[in-house]
């Protein structure tokens, strides 16, 4: 299984987790020239731009670097302008380490 296939499995697990917890999945794998947002979800009139990271041998939260956050921010700004979003939003991270899912909410305020 290649890394993209593993990533797809992790994203599917993350999407199911979000839906189970009352989030509406609005879009998946939103691409721009700046980067990609894995999952865009909506709950309680707040948009959640979710980065999904998975790993087997280390804590995957460390893969969310400042550079990655900058790319996510540029990408979500494109999304907001494209769809004329006028609601609060935040960046969340779902990590899956050795099969264990952790939801880290609101890693940045806007």
C-alpha atoms as a PDB file:
ATOM      1  CA  UNK A   1       0.000   0.000   0.000  1.00  0.00           C
ATOM      2  CA  UNK A   2       1.478   3.362  -0.993  1.00  0.00           C
ATOM      3  CA  UNK A   3       1.426   6.531   1.104  1.00  0.00           C
ATOM      4  CA  UNK A   4      -1.485   8.065  -0.866  1.00  0.00           C
ATOM      5  CA  UNK A   5      -3.613   4.978  -0.212  1.00  0.00           C
ATOM      6  CA  UNK A   6      -2.719   5.133   3.492  1.00  0.00           C
ATOM      7  CA  UNK A   7      -3.599   8.821   3.482  1.00  0.00           C
ATOM      8  CA  UNK A   8      -6.967   8.099   1.895  1.00  0.00           C
ATOM      9  CA  UNK A   9      -7.739   5.512   4.577  1.00  0.00           C
ATOM     10  CA  UNK A  10      -6.802   7.993   7.329  1.00  0.00           C
ATOM     11  CA  UNK A  11      -8.925  10.732   5.734  1.00  0.00           C
ATOM     12  CA  UNK A  12     -11.891   8.383   5.460  1.00  0.00           C
ATOM     13  CA  UNK A  13     -11.550   7.448   9.135  1.00  0.00           C
ATOM     14  CA  UNK A  14     -11.325  11.156  10.047  1.00  0.00           C
ATOM     15  CA  UNK A  15     -14.395  12.027   7.956  1.00  0.00           C
ATOM     16  CA  UNK A  16     -16.437   9.264   9.599  1.00  0.00           C
ATOM     17  CA  UNK A  17     -15.326  10.511  13.037  1.00  0.00           C
ATOM     18  CA  UNK A  18     -16.421  14.055  12.192  1.00  0.00           C
ATOM     19  CA  UNK A  19     -19.792  12.943  10.832  1.00  0.00           C
ATOM     20  CA  UNK A  20     -20.398  10.792  13.909  1.00  0.00           C
ATOM     21  CA  UNK A  21     -19.739  13.874  16.034  1.00  0.00           C
ATOM     22  CA  UNK A  22     -22.219  16.121  14.239  1.00  0.00           C
ATOM     23  CA  UNK A  23     -20.022  17.730  11.584  1.00  0.00           C
ATOM     24  CA  UNK A  24     -21.290  18.102   8.029  1.00  0.00           C
ATOM     25  CA  UNK A  25     -18.583  17.321   5.491  1.00  0.00           C
ATOM     26  CA  UNK A  26     -18.709  20.152   2.961  1.00  0.00           C
ATOM     27  CA  UNK A  27     -15.736  19.191   0.807  1.00  0.00           C
ATOM     28  CA  UNK A  28     -12.745  16.891   0.766  1.00  0.00           C
ATOM     29  CA  UNK A  29      -9.340  17.391  -0.832  1.00  0.00           C
ATOM     30  CA  UNK A  30      -9.777  21.031  -1.812  1.00  0.00           C
ATOM     31  CA  UNK A  31      -6.757  21.908  -3.964  1.00  0.00           C
ATOM     32  CA  UNK A  32      -5.242  25.246  -4.945  1.00  0.00           C
ATOM     33  CA  UNK A  33      -1.823  26.227  -6.238  1.00  0.00           C
ATOM     34  CA  UNK A  34      -0.897  26.855  -2.578  1.00  0.00           C
ATOM     35  CA  UNK A  35      -1.778  23.425  -1.243  1.00  0.00           C
ATOM     36  CA  UNK A  36      -4.608  21.173  -0.147  1.00  0.00           C
ATOM     37  CA  UNK A  37      -7.115  21.034   2.665  1.00  0.00           C
ATOM     38  CA  UNK A  38      -8.006  17.458   3.522  1.00  0.00           C
ATOM     39  CA  UNK A  39     -11.499  18.028   4.935  1.00  0.00           C
ATOM     40  CA  UNK A  40     -13.741  21.078   5.129  1.00  0.00           C
ATOM     41  CA  UNK A  41     -16.580  20.590   7.580  1.00  0.00           C
ATOM     42  CA  UNK A  42     -19.318  22.703   9.125  1.00  0.00           C
ATOM     43  CA  UNK A  43     -20.723  22.517  12.636  1.00  0.00           C
ATOM     44  CA  UNK A  44     -22.656  25.132  14.619  1.00  0.00           C
ATOM     45  CA  UNK A  45     -22.109  27.691  11.824  1.00  0.00           C
ATOM     46  CA  UNK A  46     -18.318  27.382  12.097  1.00  0.00           C
ATOM     47  CA  UNK A  47     -16.207  26.143   9.217  1.00  0.00           C
ATOM     48  CA  UNK A  48     -13.524  23.652  10.176  1.00  0.00           C
ATOM     49  CA  UNK A  49     -10.526  23.281   7.878  1.00  0.00           C
ATOM     50  CA  UNK A  50      -9.143  19.917   8.938  1.00  0.00           C
ATOM     51  CA  UNK A  51      -5.646  18.620   8.306  1.00  0.00           C
ATOM     52  CA  UNK A  52      -5.342  14.842   8.677  1.00  0.00           C
ATOM     53  CA  UNK A  53      -1.998  13.306   9.653  1.00  0.00           C
ATOM     54  CA  UNK A  54      -1.245   9.660  10.232  1.00  0.00           C
ATOM     55  CA  UNK A  55       1.833   7.756  11.324  1.00  0.00           C
ATOM     56  CA  UNK A  56       2.928   4.473  12.820  1.00  0.00           C
ATOM     57  CA  UNK A  57       6.173   5.236  14.587  1.00  0.00           C
ATOM     58  CA  UNK A  58       6.035   8.851  15.760  1.00  0.00           C
ATOM     59  CA  UNK A  59       3.649  11.545  16.917  1.00  0.00           C
ATOM     60  CA  UNK A  60       2.119  12.834  13.674  1.00  0.00           C
ATOM     61  CA  UNK A  61       1.181  16.248  15.088  1.00  0.00           C
ATOM     62  CA  UNK A  62       4.820  17.191  14.567  1.00  0.00           C
ATOM     63  CA  UNK A  63       4.199  16.960  10.821  1.00  0.00           C
ATOM     64  CA  UNK A  64       2.026  20.085  11.050  1.00  0.00           C
ATOM     65  CA  UNK A  65       4.783  22.639  10.671  1.00  0.00           C
ATOM     66  CA  UNK A  66       4.562  26.417  10.391  1.00  0.00           C
ATOM     67  CA  UNK A  67       5.155  26.024   6.663  1.00  0.00           C
ATOM     68  CA  UNK A  68       2.199  23.611   6.432  1.00  0.00           C
ATOM     69  CA  UNK A  69       0.012  26.015   8.420  1.00  0.00           C
ATOM     70  CA  UNK A  70       0.938  28.823   6.044  1.00  0.00           C
ATOM     71  CA  UNK A  71      -0.118  26.684   3.069  1.00  0.00           C
ATOM     72  CA  UNK A  72      -3.383  25.741   4.765  1.00  0.00           C
ATOM     73  CA  UNK A  73      -4.074  29.400   5.561  1.00  0.00           C
ATOM     74  CA  UNK A  74      -3.471  30.497   1.958  1.00  0.00           C
ATOM     75  CA  UNK A  75      -5.642  27.650   0.692  1.00  0.00           C
ATOM     76  CA  UNK A  76      -8.512  28.344   3.082  1.00  0.00           C
ATOM     77  CA  UNK A  77      -8.426  32.018   2.098  1.00  0.00           C
ATOM     78  CA  UNK A  78      -8.963  30.961  -1.526  1.00  0.00           C
ATOM     79  CA  UNK A  79     -11.883  28.779  -0.436  1.00  0.00           C
ATOM     80  CA  UNK A  80     -13.454  31.579   1.618  1.00  0.00           C
ATOM     81  CA  UNK A  81     -13.202  34.046  -1.260  1.00  0.00           C
ATOM     82  CA  UNK A  82     -14.370  31.543  -3.871  1.00  0.00           C
ATOM     83  CA  UNK A  83     -17.508  30.592  -1.919  1.00  0.00           C
ATOM     84  CA  UNK A  84     -18.004  33.995  -0.251  1.00  0.00           C
ATOM     85  CA  UNK A  85     -17.952  32.472   3.238  1.00  0.00           C
ATOM     86  CA  UNK A  86     -19.031  34.914   5.928  1.00  0.00           C
ATOM     87  CA  UNK A  87     -18.891  32.632   8.959  1.00  0.00           C
ATOM     88  CA  UNK A  88     -16.238  32.017  11.610  1.00  0.00           C
ATOM     89  CA  UNK A  89     -13.659  29.376  10.817  1.00  0.00           C
ATOM     90  CA  UNK A  90     -10.736  27.565  12.338  1.00  0.00           C
ATOM     91  CA  UNK A  91      -8.010  25.075  11.534  1.00  0.00           C
ATOM     92  CA  UNK A  92      -8.252  21.692  13.242  1.00  0.00           C
ATOM     93  CA  UNK A  93      -5.987  18.650  13.056  1.00  0.00           C
ATOM     94  CA  UNK A  94      -6.903  14.997  13.271  1.00  0.00           C
ATOM     95  CA  UNK A  95      -3.962  12.733  13.972  1.00  0.00           C
ATOM     96  CA  UNK A  96      -4.063   8.995  13.650  1.00  0.00           C
ATOM     97  CA  UNK A  97      -1.092   7.376  15.371  1.00  0.00           C
ATOM     98  CA  UNK A  98      -0.986   3.594  15.351  1.00  0.00           C
ATOM     99  CA  UNK A  99      -4.735   3.578  14.724  1.00  0.00           C
ATOM    100  CA  UNK A 100      -5.521   5.942  17.624  1.00  0.00           C
ATOM    101  CA  UNK A 101      -7.433   9.046  16.502  1.00  0.00           C
ATOM    102  CA  UNK A 102      -6.968  12.384  18.243  1.00  0.00           C
ATOM    103  CA  UNK A 103      -8.928  15.532  17.366  1.00  0.00           C
ATOM    104  CA  UNK A 104      -7.029  18.749  18.057  1.00  0.00           C
ATOM    105  CA  UNK A 105      -9.379  21.677  17.705  1.00  0.00           C
ATOM    106  CA  UNK A 106      -8.655  25.233  16.710  1.00  0.00           C
ATOM    107  CA  UNK A 107      -4.896  25.264  16.377  1.00  0.00           C
ATOM    108  CA  UNK A 108      -5.155  28.854  15.082  1.00  0.00           C
ATOM    109  CA  UNK A 109      -7.655  31.639  15.634  1.00  0.00           C
ATOM    110  CA  UNK A 110      -8.741  33.992  12.855  1.00  0.00           C
END
